[in-house]
């Protein structure tokens, strides 16, 4: 029994203490939470205390049975003409500790301030009575659909994208379900707001727009205590973690701790597009410092003001983090690496892919979505993947990751060795064409792409000599696909495939208008960030967007719903094939090689089903027996943001 005098349940468990409810017989209905904290001295417990959390539904507190975790609550809130000393603070001397009991019930004012349960003006008359909301809301009741209309009008009134971003983040902190409902129903309009390109500007200005923390910040200060930090997160059933160290945010460079906008944005898309529950998502930033002098000298910078840790110091912190995640959340939690610099991204993926369920979206996600676009484009240009020649501008994570997945698919289709499949794929980095004579000075991830050829410095010369059918930009350098380069591609290709993938828009290798104009309307074009339709020669061209959001939400859902324990390259190929199959003839008629985002949740369900099927085939899935219809199972697993009725 919990009473104003003692907690016999806690005492019998070895947890002494007391607590009090001001109104013991107040009914607790719908979304409610009772939390208590008591001191404890057992080794390894969190902060010397244990948290007891009981979810309740419709049972009045006074009716809870004595064999429950929480029993009768005495209504003795007044003692000697004054409020009872609940916390023991008055009885303790300054050098004595006291128990910080906390009781929180999600009703009344607290319910309106809880983003997980708040419905705003959509609370019904009955709910307003049963949850003590009378007078706390205006008298009108409006449905969620009307709220969505109101909010999209509110968002549209802003002309500056960053203001729209801030308005969306504010909504997420006030009303979680309305945020996701709005994002799902207006995904094509709001995707560029909550993610690229606007999220790049948000990260650059994170120090000035920072209002309240989102996610976990793990810095060098927490070294040796990361397990404890993870336990501070209120949600315990985590299925997806997106983590960054902020060293290479989009094409913007080292933004340090301010890179948190990336994990937050990615996980919003995991929920909106892939249906992963918000409570199962955890955004994390690992702060090891920054080499950005501007941030180091900025008084509003929210991270560690020191140069970046490297070498053993960096490796030890990351390893402690990876071990703590596995210990806290288990074998099947998906850890997505995001925007790590090249020298760390490849090493971390290689080091942990055999021991953890890890996925690097910059390397593997980008590769999967681009491969899907290339497979789809074959219906427009003809031939097989092996018949084409590929030239990349950019040989970092994205470039080499895409190149490797293309080679894997060619090898799979033609049964030739992987080394042979790589020979039609060429890469250009900052020093020119990657050739065998440069092999000794190349980073390890570039060496497989060093082919026999004379050195070439300029991209346009490489285009004229290699004569690629596909030109792919992953350089992070804007306006590098010049008029001369596009005209050269068009001179020996009837329909040159040009993918300008760098983000944000300012870093794109060329614009959609440039690609269509300089190719005289013959280019098959897609970009990393969105561009508006282009009119040329009396025809309207709708540029496709090679956005990773096509792949990672459905890919992650497939891993989760099958209980997959490791990511295999064949799972990425399965995701690519599933996405390519979603491109309709109507899309092809518009020159598109990706489907519209309006059907993204359906697309994600099909991708999840294909990924799960391949995981079962490879013996990597642990959720048995395998569902008969994986598409239907994927759809049934998806979170829906419609309001729930509270009893």
Foldseek 3Di string as FASTA:
>chain_A
DAEQVWQVLCVVVVFTAHAADQDQQQWAAFWWKFKWWTAADDPPDFPRIDIDIDTDHTGGQAPDDPVDSHYGYDNPQDDPNHGDPRFCVVVDDPPDDTTPTDTTTCAEPNVQQAQAAHDALQFDPVRCVSRVHVPVHPPHHDFLVVVLVVLVVVLVVDPDLLVSLLSLVVNCSRHVLSSLVNCLQPVVPCVCSLDPPNLVVCLQCVLVSPDDDAFFEAELVCVVPLLSSVVVDPQQQAAEEEEEQQQAQFLPGRSGPSSLSVQVSVVSLLFNQQQDDSSNYGYYYYGQATPPVVLLPDPSNPGDNDHGDDDPSVVSRVVVNVVSCCVRNHLRREYEYERDFQVVPVVVCVVCQVPHAYHYCLQQLLLLLVLLLVCLCCVVQPDDLLVFAEEEEDQGRNLLSNLQLSLVVVCVVPVDDSLVSSQRYWYAYQQFTQAPVCQVVDDPSCNSRHYHDDGDGAPLVVCQVSVGLEYAYDHLAAQNCDLSNLLSNLVPGQEREYEQEGDDPRSTNYAPQSNCVSSVNRYLYEYQYADQWDDGPNDIAHHHHSYSSLADSLLSLLSVLQSFRGDDSVLSNQLSNLQQVPQDVVCVVRSHSGDDCSCSNLSSLSSSLSSNVVCVVVVRGDDPDDDPDSSVVSVVSGHNSGRDHMD
